[in-house]
Amino acid sequence: MNTNLGLLLCRRFVTKVKTVDPQEIKNFADMANDWWNLSGMCGPLHTLNNCRIPWIQHRLIDSGVIQPHANPSAPLTGLSILDVGCGGGILSEGLSRLGCNVTGLDAGEDVIEIAKLHAESQNLPNLRYLNATIQDHAAANKEKYDVVVSSEVLEHVTEKEDFVKHCVGCVKPGGSILMTTPNKTWLSWFHMIIVFEHVFRILPKGTHRYEMFIHIDELKEILKKENCETVHTSGILYCPVNNRWYMNKNENPTYLIHVVKRP
């Protein structure tokens, strides 16, 4: 795996325009053309879809948002989904292929342009991309979406409570928010920093900062304050040997959390 993968998981999305790091935006601009190279530095993000997209679908079934007997080729038809921190659109495209209307949101202008170009080549009329922050988007799109997703973004956000607040603000009452991020535990520290950055050097040193991780209990409390109920949590682990992700039940080293916004 190319060591620049860490930049794909960097601080690409924060809630206030003045706190967006211009250098991080430049990093994405420099690498934008590699987002859709399946064997390149973004390969692990593509294989992550093999876990996170079925997880999202199953969670929406279990929570009654969609029916289990829905059209198998387009089970999310009729839903509106906001993908916060979408980057080049790997998750956004995957979700749109299931029939829902997807809005991909990112602060990086160059990666959004790459995402738009790739979507055009794939004939996905139910997918659109916007170059904006979640703060600005939430101000004009209150309670608009059925679902908000944000995958591998929160660990790079400085104002986490504000970020979560605006994500929740975009969801309709009764809607779902689904997030993935490293847990703030010794196992996550060892896996994400020691193993990935120092032992195997899969990621460049400094890609992750432990102090920026958020423990799952802390995130639950933030979400609870925003009138959300946690309905499911699980964990996910990446194996660099075979470029695969594996689900687990112990919420480590990275956790997936599904909450529902109370009416």
C-alpha atoms as a PDB file:
ATOM      1  CA  MET A   1       0.000   0.000   0.000  1.00  0.00           C
ATOM      2  CA  ASN A   2       1.300   3.467  -0.842  1.00  0.00           C
ATOM      3  CA  THR A   3       2.283   5.353   2.291  1.00  0.00           C
ATOM      4  CA  ASN A   4       0.366   8.390   1.097  1.00  0.00           C
ATOM      5  CA  LEU A   5      -2.848   6.542   2.034  1.00  0.00           C
ATOM      6  CA  GLY A   6      -2.687   8.369   5.340  1.00  0.00           C
ATOM      7  CA  LEU A   7      -3.415  11.603   3.553  1.00  0.00           C
ATOM      8  CA  LEU A   8      -6.686  10.131   2.369  1.00  0.00           C
ATOM      9  CA  LEU A   9      -7.708   9.754   5.994  1.00  0.00           C
ATOM     10  CA  CYS A  10      -6.503  13.187   7.003  1.00  0.00           C
ATOM     11  CA  ARG A  11      -8.223  16.250   8.342  1.00  0.00           C
ATOM     12  CA  ARG A  12     -10.254  16.865   5.200  1.00  0.00           C
ATOM     13  CA  PHE A  13     -13.426  18.134   6.781  1.00  0.00           C
ATOM     14  CA  VAL A  14     -14.085  20.440   9.706  1.00  0.00           C
ATOM     15  CA  THR A  15     -17.095  22.491  10.595  1.00  0.00           C
ATOM     16  CA  LYS A  16     -15.887  26.050  10.171  1.00  0.00           C
ATOM     17  CA  VAL A  17     -14.397  27.542   7.041  1.00  0.00           C
ATOM     18  CA  LYS A  18     -11.566  29.260   8.900  1.00  0.00           C
ATOM     19  CA  THR A  19     -10.478  26.002  10.546  1.00  0.00           C
ATOM     20  CA  VAL A  20     -10.020  24.106   7.270  1.00  0.00           C
ATOM     21  CA  ASP A  21      -6.302  23.438   6.877  1.00  0.00           C
ATOM     22  CA  PRO A  22      -5.206  24.778   3.445  1.00  0.00           C
ATOM     23  CA  GLN A  23      -2.295  22.324   3.360  1.00  0.00           C
ATOM     24  CA  GLU A  24      -4.630  19.371   3.740  1.00  0.00           C
ATOM     25  CA  ILE A  25      -6.778  20.670   0.897  1.00  0.00           C
ATOM     26  CA  LYS A  26      -3.607  20.948  -1.223  1.00  0.00           C
ATOM     27  CA  ASN A  27      -2.656  17.374  -0.366  1.00  0.00           C
ATOM     28  CA  PHE A  28      -5.902  16.141  -1.809  1.00  0.00           C
ATOM     29  CA  ALA A  29      -5.465  18.300  -4.880  1.00  0.00           C
ATOM     30  CA  ASP A  30      -2.041  16.755  -5.477  1.00  0.00           C
ATOM     31  CA  MET A  31      -3.432  13.221  -5.268  1.00  0.00           C
ATOM     32  CA  ALA A  32      -6.884  13.728  -6.709  1.00  0.00           C
ATOM     33  CA  ASN A  33      -6.226  11.745  -9.894  1.00  0.00           C
ATOM     34  CA  ASP A  34      -5.498   8.572  -7.906  1.00  0.00           C
ATOM     35  CA  TRP A  35      -8.840   8.322  -6.114  1.00  0.00           C
ATOM     36  CA  TRP A  36     -10.242   5.855  -8.645  1.00  0.00           C
ATOM     37  CA  ASN A  37      -7.107   3.766  -9.147  1.00  0.00           C
ATOM     38  CA  LEU A  38      -8.222   0.522  -7.474  1.00  0.00           C
ATOM     39  CA  SER A  39      -4.667  -0.752  -7.118  1.00  0.00           C
ATOM     40  CA  GLY A  40      -3.244   2.582  -6.004  1.00  0.00           C
ATOM     41  CA  MET A  41      -3.078   4.438  -2.735  1.00  0.00           C
ATOM     42  CA  CYS A  42      -6.868   4.511  -2.425  1.00  0.00           C
ATOM     43  CA  GLY A  43      -7.260   0.754  -2.758  1.00  0.00           C
ATOM     44  CA  PRO A  44      -8.062   0.187   0.951  1.00  0.00           C
ATOM     45  CA  LEU A  45     -10.823   2.789   0.801  1.00  0.00           C
ATOM     46  CA  HIS A  46     -12.413   0.879  -2.057  1.00  0.00           C
ATOM     47  CA  THR A  47     -12.247  -2.436  -0.188  1.00  0.00           C
ATOM     48  CA  LEU A  48     -13.688  -0.719   2.886  1.00  0.00           C
ATOM     49  CA  ASN A  49     -16.921  -0.397   0.899  1.00  0.00           C
ATOM     50  CA  ASN A  50     -17.233  -4.180   1.065  1.00  0.00           C
ATOM     51  CA  CYS A  51     -17.952  -3.803   4.794  1.00  0.00           C
ATOM     52  CA  ARG A  52     -19.398  -0.362   5.351  1.00  0.00           C
ATOM     53  CA  ILE A  53     -22.009  -0.376   2.569  1.00  0.00           C
ATOM     54  CA  PRO A  54     -23.610  -3.701   3.615  1.00  0.00           C
ATOM     55  CA  TRP A  55     -23.438  -2.483   7.221  1.00  0.00           C
ATOM     56  CA  ILE A  56     -25.309   0.699   6.315  1.00  0.00           C
ATOM     57  CA  GLN A  57     -27.915  -1.274   4.382  1.00  0.00           C
ATOM     58  CA  HIS A  58     -28.416  -3.780   7.189  1.00  0.00           C
ATOM     59  CA  ARG A  59     -28.702  -1.048   9.774  1.00  0.00           C
ATOM     60  CA  LEU A  60     -31.395   0.735   7.760  1.00  0.00           C
ATOM     61  CA  ILE A  61     -33.293  -2.536   7.435  1.00  0.00           C
ATOM     62  CA  ASP A  62     -33.026  -3.335  11.139  1.00  0.00           C
ATOM     63  CA  SER A  63     -34.218   0.141  12.090  1.00  0.00           C
ATOM     64  CA  GLY A  64     -37.214  -0.111   9.770  1.00  0.00           C
ATOM     65  CA  VAL A  65     -36.112   2.595   7.337  1.00  0.00           C
ATOM     66  CA  ILE A  66     -36.230   0.157   4.423  1.00  0.00           C
ATOM     67  CA  GLN A  67     -37.880  -3.232   4.062  1.00  0.00           C
ATOM     68  CA  PRO A  68     -35.832  -6.441   3.873  1.00  0.00           C
ATOM     69  CA  HIS A  69     -37.745  -7.517   0.766  1.00  0.00           C
ATOM     70  CA  ALA A  70     -36.892  -4.299  -1.079  1.00  0.00           C
ATOM     71  CA  ASN A  71     -35.651  -4.396  -4.671  1.00  0.00           C
ATOM     72  CA  PRO A  72     -32.321  -6.275  -4.350  1.00  0.00           C
ATOM     73  CA  SER A  73     -30.720  -4.229  -7.126  1.00  0.00           C
ATOM     74  CA  ALA A  74     -31.788  -0.900  -5.618  1.00  0.00           C
ATOM     75  CA  PRO A  75     -32.730  -1.484  -1.959  1.00  0.00           C
ATOM     76  CA  LEU A  76     -32.233   2.149  -0.898  1.00  0.00           C
ATOM     77  CA  THR A  77     -34.576   3.630  -3.503  1.00  0.00           C
ATOM     78  CA  GLY A  78     -36.447   6.652  -2.192  1.00  0.00           C
ATOM     79  CA  LEU A  79     -33.919   7.624   0.487  1.00  0.00           C
ATOM     80  CA  SER A  80     -31.890  10.841   0.550  1.00  0.00           C
ATOM     81  CA  ILE A  81     -28.378  10.431   1.981  1.00  0.00           C
ATOM     82  CA  LEU A  82     -25.720  13.020   2.841  1.00  0.00           C
ATOM     83  CA  ASP A  83     -22.098  11.780   2.799  1.00  0.00           C
ATOM     84  CA  VAL A  84     -20.081  14.233   4.904  1.00  0.00           C
ATOM     85  CA  GLY A  85     -16.372  14.380   4.015  1.00  0.00           C
ATOM     86  CA  CYS A  86     -16.899  12.362   0.838  1.00  0.00           C
ATOM     87  CA  GLY A  87     -13.458  12.937  -0.690  1.00  0.00           C
ATOM     88  CA  GLY A  88     -13.356  11.567  -4.239  1.00  0.00           C
ATOM     89  CA  GLY A  89     -16.713   9.874  -3.827  1.00  0.00           C
ATOM     90  CA  ILE A  90     -15.851   6.230  -3.160  1.00  0.00           C
ATOM     91  CA  LEU A  91     -18.601   5.744  -0.565  1.00  0.00           C
ATOM     92  CA  SER A  92     -21.009   8.161  -2.261  1.00  0.00           C
ATOM     93  CA  GLU A  93     -20.919   6.259  -5.542  1.00  0.00           C
ATOM     94  CA  GLY A  94     -21.314   2.923  -3.810  1.00  0.00           C
ATOM     95  CA  LEU A  95     -24.417   4.119  -2.003  1.00  0.00           C
ATOM     96  CA  SER A  96     -25.922   5.756  -5.081  1.00  0.00           C
ATOM     97  CA  ARG A  97     -25.726   2.444  -6.940  1.00  0.00           C
ATOM     98  CA  LEU A  98     -28.234   1.101  -4.410  1.00  0.00           C
ATOM     99  CA  GLY A  99     -30.879   3.510  -5.681  1.00  0.00           C
ATOM    100  CA  CYS A 100     -30.835   6.368  -3.154  1.00  0.00           C
ATOM    101  CA  ASN A 101     -30.272  10.049  -3.851  1.00  0.00           C
ATOM    102  CA  VAL A 102     -26.806  10.916  -2.530  1.00  0.00           C
ATOM    103  CA  THR A 103     -25.221  14.284  -1.838  1.00  0.00           C
ATOM    104  CA  GLY A 104     -21.453  14.112  -1.356  1.00  0.00           C
ATOM    105  CA  LEU A 105     -20.056  17.015   0.662  1.00  0.00           C
ATOM    106  CA  ASP A 106     -16.399  17.978   1.028  1.00  0.00           C
ATOM    107  CA  ALA A 107     -14.303  21.083   1.686  1.00  0.00           C
ATOM    108  CA  GLY A 108     -11.714  20.104  -0.958  1.00  0.00           C
ATOM    109  CA  GLU A 109     -12.550  21.690  -4.299  1.00  0.00           C
ATOM    110  CA  ASP A 110     -10.176  19.506  -6.317  1.00  0.00           C
ATOM    111  CA  VAL A 111     -11.395  16.178  -4.949  1.00  0.00           C
ATOM    112  CA  ILE A 112     -14.983  17.260  -5.505  1.00  0.00           C
ATOM    113  CA  GLU A 113     -14.154  17.965  -9.148  1.00  0.00           C
ATOM    114  CA  ILE A 114     -12.621  14.504  -9.492  1.00  0.00           C
ATOM    115  CA  ALA A 115     -15.705  13.006  -7.841  1.00  0.00           C
ATOM    116  CA  LYS A 116     -17.990  14.865 -10.258  1.00  0.00           C
ATOM    117  CA  LEU A 117     -16.031  13.781 -13.320  1.00  0.00           C
ATOM    118  CA  HIS A 118     -16.029  10.145 -12.274  1.00  0.00           C
ATOM    119  CA  ALA A 119     -19.753  10.184 -11.497  1.00  0.00           C
ATOM    120  CA  GLU A 120     -20.489  11.635 -14.934  1.00  0.00           C
ATOM    121  CA  SER A 121     -18.619   8.774 -16.565  1.00  0.00           C
ATOM    122  CA  GLN A 122     -20.701   6.277 -14.552  1.00  0.00           C
ATOM    123  CA  ASN A 123     -24.126   7.700 -15.464  1.00  0.00           C
ATOM    124  CA  LEU A 124     -25.333   8.271 -11.909  1.00  0.00           C
ATOM    125  CA  PRO A 125     -28.079  10.917 -12.112  1.00  0.00           C
ATOM    126  CA  ASN A 126     -29.041  10.357  -8.462  1.00  0.00           C
ATOM    127  CA  LEU A 127     -25.618  11.556  -7.214  1.00  0.00           C
ATOM    128  CA  ARG A 128     -24.469  15.147  -6.736  1.00  0.00           C
ATOM    129  CA  TYR A 129     -21.399  16.713  -5.142  1.00  0.00           C
ATOM    130  CA  LEU A 130     -20.991  19.991  -3.280  1.00  0.00           C
ATOM    131  CA  ASN A 131     -17.822  21.821  -2.264  1.00  0.00           C
ATOM    132  CA  ALA A 132     -18.825  23.142   1.169  1.00  0.00           C
ATOM    133  CA  THR A 133     -18.434  22.623   4.904  1.00  0.00           C
ATOM    134  CA  ILE A 134     -21.037  20.853   6.995  1.00  0.00           C
ATOM    135  CA  GLN A 135     -21.632  24.094   8.894  1.00  0.00           C
ATOM    136  CA  ASP A 136     -22.605  26.021   5.774  1.00  0.00           C
ATOM    137  CA  HIS A 137     -24.570  23.133   4.328  1.00  0.00           C
ATOM    138  CA  ALA A 138     -26.541  22.548   7.527  1.00  0.00           C
ATOM    139  CA  ALA A 139     -27.562  26.197   7.685  1.00  0.00           C
ATOM    140  CA  ALA A 140     -29.421  25.874   4.381  1.00  0.00           C
ATOM    141  CA  ASN A 141     -30.521  22.238   4.639  1.00  0.00           C
ATOM    142  CA  LYS A 142     -32.118  21.777   8.042  1.00  0.00           C
ATOM    143  CA  GLU A 143     -33.698  18.336   8.544  1.00  0.00           C
ATOM    144  CA  LYS A 144     -33.495  17.590   4.815  1.00  0.00           C
ATOM    145  CA  TYR A 145     -31.987  14.092   4.680  1.00  0.00           C
ATOM    146  CA  ASP A 146     -33.197  10.649   5.691  1.00  0.00           C
ATOM    147  CA  VAL A 147     -29.642   9.533   6.456  1.00  0.00           C
ATOM    148  CA  VAL A 148     -26.272  11.176   7.140  1.00  0.00           C
ATOM    149  CA  VAL A 149     -23.048   9.175   6.910  1.00  0.00           C
ATOM    150  CA  SER A 150     -19.513  10.240   7.795  1.00  0.00           C
ATOM    151  CA  SER A 151     -16.788   7.627   7.469  1.00  0.00           C
ATOM    152  CA  GLU A 152     -13.193   8.047   8.725  1.00  0.00           C
ATOM    153  CA  VAL A 153     -13.554  11.794   9.202  1.00  0.00           C
ATOM    154  CA  LEU A 154     -14.327  12.525  12.854  1.00  0.00           C
ATOM    155  CA  GLU A 155     -10.826  11.618  14.098  1.00  0.00           C
ATOM    156  CA  HIS A 156      -9.475  14.539  12.068  1.00  0.00           C
ATOM    157  CA  VAL A 157     -12.068  17.115  13.136  1.00  0.00           C
ATOM    158  CA  THR A 158     -11.035  19.669  15.733  1.00  0.00           C
ATOM    159  CA  GLU A 159     -14.491  20.821  16.863  1.00  0.00           C
ATOM    160  CA  LYS A 160     -16.176  17.445  17.233  1.00  0.00           C
ATOM    161  CA  GLU A 161     -19.296  18.579  19.096  1.00  0.00           C
ATOM    162  CA  ASP A 162     -19.950  21.290  16.537  1.00  0.00           C
ATOM    163  CA  PHE A 163     -19.368  18.850  13.677  1.00  0.00           C
ATOM    164  CA  VAL A 164     -21.788  16.319  15.141  1.00  0.00           C
ATOM    165  CA  LYS A 165     -24.353  19.031  15.879  1.00  0.00           C
ATOM    166  CA  HIS A 166     -24.464  20.104  12.239  1.00  0.00           C
ATOM    167  CA  CYS A 167     -24.567  16.519  10.973  1.00  0.00           C
ATOM    168  CA  VAL A 168     -27.580  15.855  13.191  1.00  0.00           C
ATOM    169  CA  GLY A 169     -29.142  19.125  12.081  1.00  0.00           C
ATOM    170  CA  CYS A 170     -29.276  17.877   8.497  1.00  0.00           C
ATOM    171  CA  VAL A 171     -31.257  14.733   9.428  1.00  0.00           C
ATOM    172  CA  LYS A 172     -35.027  14.522   9.521  1.00  0.00           C
ATOM    173  CA  PRO A 173     -36.630  13.569  12.856  1.00  0.00           C
ATOM    174  CA  GLY A 174     -36.538   9.783  12.981  1.00  0.00           C
ATOM    175  CA  GLY A 175     -33.628   9.724  10.537  1.00  0.00           C
ATOM    176  CA  SER A 176     -30.310   7.893  10.934  1.00  0.00           C
ATOM    177  CA  ILE A 177     -26.712   9.021  11.406  1.00  0.00           C
ATOM    178  CA  LEU A 178     -23.985   6.442  10.737  1.00  0.00           C
ATOM    179  CA  MET A 179     -20.315   7.116  11.495  1.00  0.00           C
ATOM    180  CA  THR A 180     -17.004   5.242  11.551  1.00  0.00           C
ATOM    181  CA  THR A 181     -13.882   6.420  13.396  1.00  0.00           C
ATOM    182  CA  PRO A 182     -11.020   4.951  15.495  1.00  0.00           C
ATOM    183  CA  ASN A 183     -11.864   4.375  19.137  1.00  0.00           C
ATOM    184  CA  LYS A 184      -9.785   6.145  21.784  1.00  0.00           C
ATOM    185  CA  THR A 185      -8.348   2.998  23.389  1.00  0.00           C
ATOM    186  CA  TRP A 186      -4.893   1.494  23.812  1.00  0.00           C
ATOM    187  CA  LEU A 187      -5.724  -1.053  21.095  1.00  0.00           C
ATOM    188  CA  SER A 188      -6.613   1.653  18.610  1.00  0.00           C
ATOM    189  CA  TRP A 189      -3.468   3.572  19.531  1.00  0.00           C
ATOM    190  CA  PHE A 190      -1.337   0.446  19.042  1.00  0.00           C
ATOM    191  CA  HIS A 191      -3.041  -0.552  15.784  1.00  0.00           C
ATOM    192  CA  MET A 192      -3.448   2.834  14.099  1.00  0.00           C
ATOM    193  CA  ILE A 193      -0.203   4.477  15.226  1.00  0.00           C
ATOM    194  CA  ILE A 194       2.364   1.901  16.347  1.00  0.00           C
ATOM    195  CA  VAL A 195       1.566  -0.891  13.875  1.00  0.00           C
ATOM    196  CA  PHE A 196       0.478   1.171  10.873  1.00  0.00           C
ATOM    197  CA  GLU A 197       2.855   4.112  11.175  1.00  0.00           C
ATOM    198  CA  HIS A 198       5.941   2.788  12.983  1.00  0.00           C
ATOM    199  CA  VAL A 199       6.176  -0.968  12.453  1.00  0.00           C
ATOM    200  CA  PHE A 200       4.786  -1.636   8.971  1.00  0.00           C
ATOM    201  CA  ARG A 201       4.941   2.001   7.854  1.00  0.00           C
ATOM    202  CA  ILE A 202       1.713   1.613   5.947  1.00  0.00           C
ATOM    203  CA  LEU A 203       0.873   5.178   6.870  1.00  0.00           C
ATOM    204  CA  PRO A 204       3.321   8.072   7.263  1.00  0.00           C
ATOM    205  CA  LYS A 205       4.226   8.965  10.829  1.00  0.00           C
ATOM    206  CA  GLY A 206       1.930  11.605  12.215  1.00  0.00           C
ATOM    207  CA  THR A 207      -1.079  10.627  10.101  1.00  0.00           C
ATOM    208  CA  HIS A 208      -3.047   9.961  13.280  1.00  0.00           C
ATOM    209  CA  ARG A 209      -2.815  11.710  16.614  1.00  0.00           C
ATOM    210  CA  TYR A 210      -4.160   9.805  19.567  1.00  0.00           C
ATOM    211  CA  GLU A 211      -5.415  12.972  21.230  1.00  0.00           C
ATOM    212  CA  MET A 212      -7.701  13.497  18.223  1.00  0.00           C
ATOM    213  CA  PHE A 213      -9.387  10.116  18.631  1.00  0.00           C
ATOM    214  CA  ILE A 214     -12.752  10.067  20.379  1.00  0.00           C
ATOM    215  CA  HIS A 215     -13.890   7.250  22.639  1.00  0.00           C
ATOM    216  CA  ILE A 216     -17.160   5.699  21.644  1.00  0.00           C
ATOM    217  CA  ASP A 217     -18.749   6.564  25.009  1.00  0.00           C
ATOM    218  CA  GLU A 218     -17.861  10.224  24.529  1.00  0.00           C
ATOM    219  CA  LEU A 219     -19.394  10.262  21.065  1.00  0.00           C
ATOM    220  CA  LYS A 220     -22.515   8.595  22.416  1.00  0.00           C
ATOM    221  CA  GLU A 221     -22.852  11.372  24.990  1.00  0.00           C
ATOM    222  CA  ILE A 222     -22.458  14.061  22.343  1.00  0.00           C
ATOM    223  CA  LEU A 223     -25.090  12.404  20.199  1.00  0.00           C
ATOM    224  CA  LYS A 224     -27.391  11.993  23.185  1.00  0.00           C
ATOM    225  CA  LYS A 225     -27.189  15.743  23.822  1.00  0.00           C
ATOM    226  CA  GLU A 226     -28.278  16.230  20.216  1.00  0.00           C
ATOM    227  CA  ASN A 227     -31.421  14.176  20.867  1.00  0.00           C
ATOM    228  CA  CYS A 228     -30.113  10.986  19.254  1.00  0.00           C
ATOM    229  CA  GLU A 229     -30.415   7.405  20.475  1.00  0.00           C
ATOM    230  CA  THR A 230     -27.647   4.878  19.840  1.00  0.00           C
ATOM    231  CA  VAL A 231     -29.170   1.745  18.312  1.00  0.00           C
ATOM    232  CA  HIS A 232     -26.086  -0.189  17.208  1.00  0.00           C
ATOM    233  CA  THR A 233     -22.302  -0.295  17.511  1.00  0.00           C
ATOM    234  CA  SER A 234     -19.665  -2.690  16.194  1.00  0.00           C
ATOM    235  CA  GLY A 235     -15.990  -2.724  15.260  1.00  0.00           C
ATOM    236  CA  ILE A 236     -13.898  -3.061  12.126  1.00  0.00           C
ATOM    237  CA  LEU A 237     -10.285  -4.101  11.542  1.00  0.00           C
ATOM    238  CA  TYR A 238      -8.085  -3.692   8.457  1.00  0.00           C
ATOM    239  CA  CYS A 239      -5.600  -6.405   7.467  1.00  0.00           C
ATOM    240  CA  PRO A 240      -2.850  -5.028   5.216  1.00  0.00           C
ATOM    241  CA  VAL A 241      -1.660  -8.506   4.212  1.00  0.00           C
ATOM    242  CA  ASN A 242      -4.740  -9.193   2.081  1.00  0.00           C
ATOM    243  CA  ASN A 243      -6.195  -5.671   1.845  1.00  0.00           C
ATOM    244  CA  ARG A 244      -9.410  -6.708   3.565  1.00  0.00           C
ATOM    245  CA  TRP A 245     -11.568  -5.349   6.371  1.00  0.00           C
ATOM    246  CA  TYR A 246     -13.154  -7.523   9.044  1.00  0.00           C
ATOM    247  CA  MET A 247     -16.133  -6.758  11.254  1.00  0.00           C
ATOM    248  CA  ASN A 248     -16.012  -7.529  14.981  1.00  0.00           C
ATOM    249  CA  LYS A 249     -18.128  -6.910  18.069  1.00  0.00           C
ATOM    250  CA  ASN A 250     -15.648  -5.195  20.402  1.00  0.00           C
ATOM    251  CA  GLU A 251     -15.734  -1.660  18.871  1.00  0.00           C
ATOM    252  CA  ASN A 252     -11.974  -1.726  18.203  1.00  0.00           C
ATOM    253  CA  PRO A 253      -9.746  -0.526  16.699  1.00  0.00           C
ATOM    254  CA  THR A 254     -12.285   1.400  14.632  1.00  0.00           C
ATOM    255  CA  TYR A 255     -15.941   1.491  15.561  1.00  0.00           C
ATOM    256  CA  LEU A 256     -19.117   1.899  13.573  1.00  0.00           C
ATOM    257  CA  ILE A 257     -22.019   3.632  15.275  1.00  0.00           C
ATOM    258  CA  HIS A 258     -25.636   4.016  14.197  1.00  0.00           C
ATOM    259  CA  VAL A 259     -27.917   6.494  15.961  1.00  0.00           C
ATOM    260  CA  VAL A 260     -31.468   7.638  15.309  1.00  0.00           C
ATOM    261  CA  LYS A 261     -32.618  11.209  15.763  1.00  0.00           C
ATOM    262  CA  ARG A 262     -35.617  11.301  18.059  1.00  0.00           C
ATOM    263  CA  PRO A 263     -38.789  12.950  16.686  1.00  0.00           C
END
